[in-house]
Amino acid sequence: MALCATPAAAVAGTTYAHTAQIVVGDHDRGCSGVLVEPEWPLTAASCFADNPAASLSVSAGKPRPKTTATAAKAGAITTFSLIGSPGANDRWIEVGSSGIPGRPAADQQLGASLHFTGTRLYVGMPYGPSAYGALDALPLPNVTAGATNAAVTTYQPGQGGLPAAGARFGYAAR
């Protein structure tokens, strides 16, 4: 028997920004969800049932196994050292870490553009946190292993003398 199908189109743009991936336990189960609010995913009861094959009963309160919900296209950056053991100095950076203000939300696209000056890593976020986007300037110690949380400079339209107009500010950093 053979089954043929045309490939699905890739998710692009903001059309599916309301989607979320939910991982239960140590990747024991995975579910899709929809974001009702930036930090409020809605998913099927079977995602949290102890034994979904037997019953869809779910206890009230916090789920027993560790559960992670990932906002679609929130964006993140990985920095790493070319010196030393592979993986030993990797650093995962997302909104809410390394001094970047806020929390990850759907379609922020953190890291859509990057620029490095030797002392700062400029990270574009064209679809958040404001309606126009933002550009964060992270001091070098914030993005290396053993990172600090030194003050990050955030550039947004309408603040610090920048015009309050345009779209996708932070889409290109130079």
C-alpha atoms as a PDB file:
ATOM      1  CA  MET A   1       0.000   0.000   0.000  1.00  0.00           C
ATOM      2  CA  ALA A   2       1.272   3.476  -0.790  1.00  0.00           C
ATOM      3  CA  LEU A   3       0.065   6.766   0.583  1.00  0.00           C
ATOM      4  CA  CYS A   4       0.850   9.948  -1.283  1.00  0.00           C
ATOM      5  CA  ALA A   5       0.240  13.461  -0.043  1.00  0.00           C
ATOM      6  CA  THR A   6       1.369  16.909  -0.985  1.00  0.00           C
ATOM      7  CA  PRO A   7       3.629  18.573   1.595  1.00  0.00           C
ATOM      8  CA  ALA A   8       2.021  21.045   3.955  1.00  0.00           C
ATOM      9  CA  ALA A   9       2.901  24.685   3.487  1.00  0.00           C
ATOM     10  CA  ALA A  10       5.333  26.140   5.996  1.00  0.00           C
ATOM     11  CA  VAL A  11       3.938  28.373   8.714  1.00  0.00           C
ATOM     12  CA  ALA A  12       5.018  31.919   7.888  1.00  0.00           C
ATOM     13  CA  GLY A  13       4.050  35.428   8.907  1.00  0.00           C
ATOM     14  CA  THR A  14       1.654  36.119  11.751  1.00  0.00           C
ATOM     15  CA  THR A  15      -1.165  33.853  10.532  1.00  0.00           C
ATOM     16  CA  TYR A  16      -0.491  31.151  13.157  1.00  0.00           C
ATOM     17  CA  ALA A  17       0.972  33.330  15.928  1.00  0.00           C
ATOM     18  CA  HIS A  18      -1.741  32.055  18.287  1.00  0.00           C
ATOM     19  CA  THR A  19      -0.391  28.482  18.348  1.00  0.00           C
ATOM     20  CA  ALA A  20       1.604  26.846  21.143  1.00  0.00           C
ATOM     21  CA  GLN A  21       3.521  23.607  21.650  1.00  0.00           C
ATOM     22  CA  ILE A  22       2.967  21.892  25.007  1.00  0.00           C
ATOM     23  CA  VAL A  23       5.451  19.308  26.307  1.00  0.00           C
ATOM     24  CA  VAL A  24       4.426  17.148  29.277  1.00  0.00           C
ATOM     25  CA  GLY A  25       7.052  15.458  31.451  1.00  0.00           C
ATOM     26  CA  ASP A  26      10.420  14.630  29.936  1.00  0.00           C
ATOM     27  CA  HIS A  27       8.891  14.646  26.438  1.00  0.00           C
ATOM     28  CA  ASP A  28       6.471  11.862  27.515  1.00  0.00           C
ATOM     29  CA  ARG A  29       3.661  13.547  25.649  1.00  0.00           C
ATOM     30  CA  GLY A  30       3.302  16.521  23.367  1.00  0.00           C
ATOM     31  CA  CYS A  31       0.207  18.475  22.432  1.00  0.00           C
ATOM     32  CA  SER A  32      -0.686  21.467  20.385  1.00  0.00           C
ATOM     33  CA  GLY A  33      -2.567  24.369  21.838  1.00  0.00           C
ATOM     34  CA  VAL A  34      -3.963  27.773  21.114  1.00  0.00           C
ATOM     35  CA  LEU A  35      -2.973  30.912  23.011  1.00  0.00           C
ATOM     36  CA  VAL A  36      -6.053  32.568  24.508  1.00  0.00           C
ATOM     37  CA  GLU A  37      -3.715  35.197  26.005  1.00  0.00           C
ATOM     38  CA  PRO A  38       0.103  35.434  25.662  1.00  0.00           C
ATOM     39  CA  GLU A  39       0.588  33.193  28.743  1.00  0.00           C
ATOM     40  CA  TRP A  40      -2.671  31.234  28.696  1.00  0.00           C
ATOM     41  CA  PRO A  41      -2.608  28.166  26.409  1.00  0.00           C
ATOM     42  CA  LEU A  42      -5.727  26.076  25.799  1.00  0.00           C
ATOM     43  CA  THR A  43      -5.306  22.395  24.907  1.00  0.00           C
ATOM     44  CA  ALA A  44      -7.063  19.017  25.067  1.00  0.00           C
ATOM     45  CA  ALA A  45      -7.714  17.326  28.434  1.00  0.00           C
ATOM     46  CA  SER A  46      -5.849  14.237  27.199  1.00  0.00           C
ATOM     47  CA  CYS A  47      -2.647  16.272  27.344  1.00  0.00           C
ATOM     48  CA  PHE A  48      -2.756  16.270  31.168  1.00  0.00           C
ATOM     49  CA  ALA A  49      -4.631  13.033  31.960  1.00  0.00           C
ATOM     50  CA  ASP A  50      -2.556  10.450  33.871  1.00  0.00           C
ATOM     51  CA  ASN A  51      -3.576   7.696  31.446  1.00  0.00           C
ATOM     52  CA  PRO A  52      -5.356   9.195  28.428  1.00  0.00           C
ATOM     53  CA  ALA A  53      -6.139   5.747  27.008  1.00  0.00           C
ATOM     54  CA  ALA A  54      -8.191   4.877  30.120  1.00  0.00           C
ATOM     55  CA  SER A  55      -9.722   8.190  31.188  1.00  0.00           C
ATOM     56  CA  LEU A  56      -9.638  11.866  30.332  1.00  0.00           C
ATOM     57  CA  SER A  57     -10.155  12.879  33.975  1.00  0.00           C
ATOM     58  CA  VAL A  58      -7.863  15.706  34.977  1.00  0.00           C
ATOM     59  CA  SER A  59      -7.200  16.817  38.545  1.00  0.00           C
ATOM     60  CA  ALA A  60      -7.711  20.473  39.378  1.00  0.00           C
ATOM     61  CA  GLY A  61      -4.582  22.493  40.058  1.00  0.00           C
ATOM     62  CA  LYS A  62      -1.025  22.369  38.837  1.00  0.00           C
ATOM     63  CA  PRO A  63      -0.187  19.425  36.537  1.00  0.00           C
ATOM     64  CA  ARG A  64       1.826  16.681  38.258  1.00  0.00           C
ATOM     65  CA  PRO A  65       4.525  16.240  35.627  1.00  0.00           C
ATOM     66  CA  LYS A  66       6.661  19.199  34.617  1.00  0.00           C
ATOM     67  CA  THR A  67       4.883  20.967  31.768  1.00  0.00           C
ATOM     68  CA  THR A  68       6.279  23.463  29.302  1.00  0.00           C
ATOM     69  CA  ALA A  69       4.293  25.574  26.842  1.00  0.00           C
ATOM     70  CA  THR A  70       6.191  27.242  24.037  1.00  0.00           C
ATOM     71  CA  ALA A  71       4.734  30.218  22.195  1.00  0.00           C
ATOM     72  CA  ALA A  72       4.955  29.852  18.440  1.00  0.00           C
ATOM     73  CA  LYS A  73       7.764  31.911  16.942  1.00  0.00           C
ATOM     74  CA  ALA A  74       8.622  33.724  20.181  1.00  0.00           C
ATOM     75  CA  GLY A  75      12.238  33.515  19.088  1.00  0.00           C
ATOM     76  CA  ALA A  76      15.481  32.798  20.919  1.00  0.00           C
ATOM     77  CA  ILE A  77      19.233  32.976  20.406  1.00  0.00           C
ATOM     78  CA  THR A  78      21.992  30.526  21.270  1.00  0.00           C
ATOM     79  CA  THR A  79      25.502  31.818  21.880  1.00  0.00           C
ATOM     80  CA  PHE A  80      28.485  29.490  22.178  1.00  0.00           C
ATOM     81  CA  SER A  81      32.254  29.553  22.461  1.00  0.00           C
ATOM     82  CA  LEU A  82      34.556  28.094  19.833  1.00  0.00           C
ATOM     83  CA  ILE A  83      37.074  27.378  22.605  1.00  0.00           C
ATOM     84  CA  GLY A  84      36.636  24.562  25.124  1.00  0.00           C
ATOM     85  CA  SER A  85      34.350  21.539  25.228  1.00  0.00           C
ATOM     86  CA  PRO A  86      31.337  21.618  22.888  1.00  0.00           C
ATOM     87  CA  GLY A  87      28.246  22.718  24.791  1.00  0.00           C
ATOM     88  CA  ALA A  88      30.161  23.744  27.917  1.00  0.00           C
ATOM     89  CA  ASN A  89      29.698  27.470  27.317  1.00  0.00           C
ATOM     90  CA  ASP A  90      26.403  27.532  25.426  1.00  0.00           C
ATOM     91  CA  ARG A  91      23.933  30.223  26.442  1.00  0.00           C
ATOM     92  CA  TRP A  92      20.204  30.185  25.586  1.00  0.00           C
ATOM     93  CA  ILE A  93      18.743  33.696  25.413  1.00  0.00           C
ATOM     94  CA  GLU A  94      15.054  34.518  25.196  1.00  0.00           C
ATOM     95  CA  VAL A  95      12.752  37.326  26.301  1.00  0.00           C
ATOM     96  CA  GLY A  96      12.938  37.498  30.101  1.00  0.00           C
ATOM     97  CA  SER A  97      16.552  36.292  30.281  1.00  0.00           C
ATOM     98  CA  SER A  98      19.924  38.034  29.963  1.00  0.00           C
ATOM     99  CA  GLY A  99      18.293  41.339  30.863  1.00  0.00           C
ATOM    100  CA  ILE A 100      15.789  41.410  27.980  1.00  0.00           C
ATOM    101  CA  PRO A 101      12.585  42.773  29.539  1.00  0.00           C
ATOM    102  CA  GLY A 102       9.257  40.952  29.346  1.00  0.00           C
ATOM    103  CA  ARG A 103       8.172  37.360  28.826  1.00  0.00           C
ATOM    104  CA  PRO A 104       8.177  35.201  25.695  1.00  0.00           C
ATOM    105  CA  ALA A 105       4.981  35.623  23.674  1.00  0.00           C
ATOM    106  CA  ALA A 106       3.766  34.363  20.348  1.00  0.00           C
ATOM    107  CA  ASP A 107       5.358  35.805  17.232  1.00  0.00           C
ATOM    108  CA  GLN A 108       7.790  38.251  18.872  1.00  0.00           C
ATOM    109  CA  GLN A 109      10.531  36.739  16.702  1.00  0.00           C
ATOM    110  CA  LEU A 110      13.393  37.646  19.021  1.00  0.00           C
ATOM    111  CA  GLY A 111      16.651  37.334  17.107  1.00  0.00           C
ATOM    112  CA  ALA A 112      15.135  38.096  13.700  1.00  0.00           C
ATOM    113  CA  SER A 113      18.203  40.297  13.275  1.00  0.00           C
ATOM    114  CA  LEU A 114      21.540  40.394  15.090  1.00  0.00           C
ATOM    115  CA  HIS A 115      24.444  42.820  15.102  1.00  0.00           C
ATOM    116  CA  PHE A 116      27.619  42.691  17.209  1.00  0.00           C
ATOM    117  CA  THR A 117      29.914  45.630  17.978  1.00  0.00           C
ATOM    118  CA  GLY A 118      32.514  43.984  20.232  1.00  0.00           C
ATOM    119  CA  THR A 119      30.887  45.225  23.432  1.00  0.00           C
ATOM    120  CA  ARG A 120      27.176  44.718  22.713  1.00  0.00           C
ATOM    121  CA  LEU A 121      24.940  42.227  20.929  1.00  0.00           C
ATOM    122  CA  TYR A 122      22.032  43.995  19.257  1.00  0.00           C
ATOM    123  CA  VAL A 123      18.978  41.737  19.070  1.00  0.00           C
ATOM    124  CA  GLY A 124      15.964  42.643  16.956  1.00  0.00           C
ATOM    125  CA  MET A 125      12.407  41.759  17.927  1.00  0.00           C
ATOM    126  CA  PRO A 126      10.264  43.126  15.059  1.00  0.00           C
ATOM    127  CA  TYR A 127       6.884  41.994  16.427  1.00  0.00           C
ATOM    128  CA  GLY A 128       7.171  42.833  20.122  1.00  0.00           C
ATOM    129  CA  PRO A 129       7.000  44.009  22.803  1.00  0.00           C
ATOM    130  CA  SER A 130       5.342  47.113  21.329  1.00  0.00           C
ATOM    131  CA  ALA A 131       3.160  47.305  18.248  1.00  0.00           C
ATOM    132  CA  TYR A 132       6.199  48.601  16.341  1.00  0.00           C
ATOM    133  CA  GLY A 133       8.863  46.150  17.568  1.00  0.00           C
ATOM    134  CA  ALA A 134      12.086  46.724  19.499  1.00  0.00           C
ATOM    135  CA  LEU A 135      15.860  46.427  19.386  1.00  0.00           C
ATOM    136  CA  ASP A 136      17.703  45.371  22.561  1.00  0.00           C
ATOM    137  CA  ALA A 137      21.411  46.106  23.087  1.00  0.00           C
ATOM    138  CA  LEU A 138      22.828  43.436  25.426  1.00  0.00           C
ATOM    139  CA  PRO A 139      26.225  44.014  27.062  1.00  0.00           C
ATOM    140  CA  LEU A 140      28.685  41.240  26.180  1.00  0.00           C
ATOM    141  CA  PRO A 141      28.754  39.795  29.747  1.00  0.00           C
ATOM    142  CA  ASN A 142      24.997  39.088  29.426  1.00  0.00           C
ATOM    143  CA  VAL A 143      25.470  36.707  26.498  1.00  0.00           C
ATOM    144  CA  THR A 144      28.481  34.653  27.567  1.00  0.00           C
ATOM    145  CA  ALA A 145      28.762  31.650  29.907  1.00  0.00           C
ATOM    146  CA  GLY A 146      28.453  32.698  33.545  1.00  0.00           C
ATOM    147  CA  ALA A 147      26.429  35.632  32.289  1.00  0.00           C
ATOM    148  CA  THR A 148      25.421  38.620  34.335  1.00  0.00           C
ATOM    149  CA  ASN A 149      22.276  40.688  34.015  1.00  0.00           C
ATOM    150  CA  ALA A 150      23.829  44.077  33.335  1.00  0.00           C
ATOM    151  CA  ALA A 151      21.457  46.793  32.165  1.00  0.00           C
ATOM    152  CA  VAL A 152      20.129  46.273  28.650  1.00  0.00           C
ATOM    153  CA  THR A 153      19.307  49.260  26.453  1.00  0.00           C
ATOM    154  CA  THR A 154      15.988  48.845  24.640  1.00  0.00           C
ATOM    155  CA  TYR A 155      15.209  50.980  21.605  1.00  0.00           C
ATOM    156  CA  GLN A 156      11.534  51.390  20.669  1.00  0.00           C
ATOM    157  CA  PRO A 157       9.740  53.802  18.347  1.00  0.00           C
ATOM    158  CA  GLY A 158       8.326  56.772  20.254  1.00  0.00           C
ATOM    159  CA  GLN A 159      10.974  56.566  22.995  1.00  0.00           C
ATOM    160  CA  GLY A 160      14.370  58.230  23.369  1.00  0.00           C
ATOM    161  CA  GLY A 161      13.825  60.575  20.430  1.00  0.00           C
ATOM    162  CA  LEU A 162      12.933  57.854  17.913  1.00  0.00           C
ATOM    163  CA  PRO A 163       9.917  58.592  15.693  1.00  0.00           C
ATOM    164  CA  ALA A 164       6.703  56.875  16.841  1.00  0.00           C
ATOM    165  CA  ALA A 165       5.887  55.397  13.466  1.00  0.00           C
ATOM    166  CA  GLY A 166       6.783  52.567  11.173  1.00  0.00           C
ATOM    167  CA  ALA A 167       6.462  48.827  11.332  1.00  0.00           C
ATOM    168  CA  ARG A 168       8.725  45.943  12.368  1.00  0.00           C
ATOM    169  CA  PHE A 169      11.353  48.060  14.134  1.00  0.00           C
ATOM    170  CA  GLY A 170      14.267  45.728  14.877  1.00  0.00           C
ATOM    171  CA  TYR A 171      13.791  43.686  11.706  1.00  0.00           C
ATOM    172  CA  ALA A 172      17.259  44.700  10.528  1.00  0.00           C
ATOM    173  CA  ALA A 173      20.075  45.624  12.923  1.00  0.00           C
ATOM    174  CA  ARG A 174      23.240  47.238  11.536  1.00  0.00           C
END
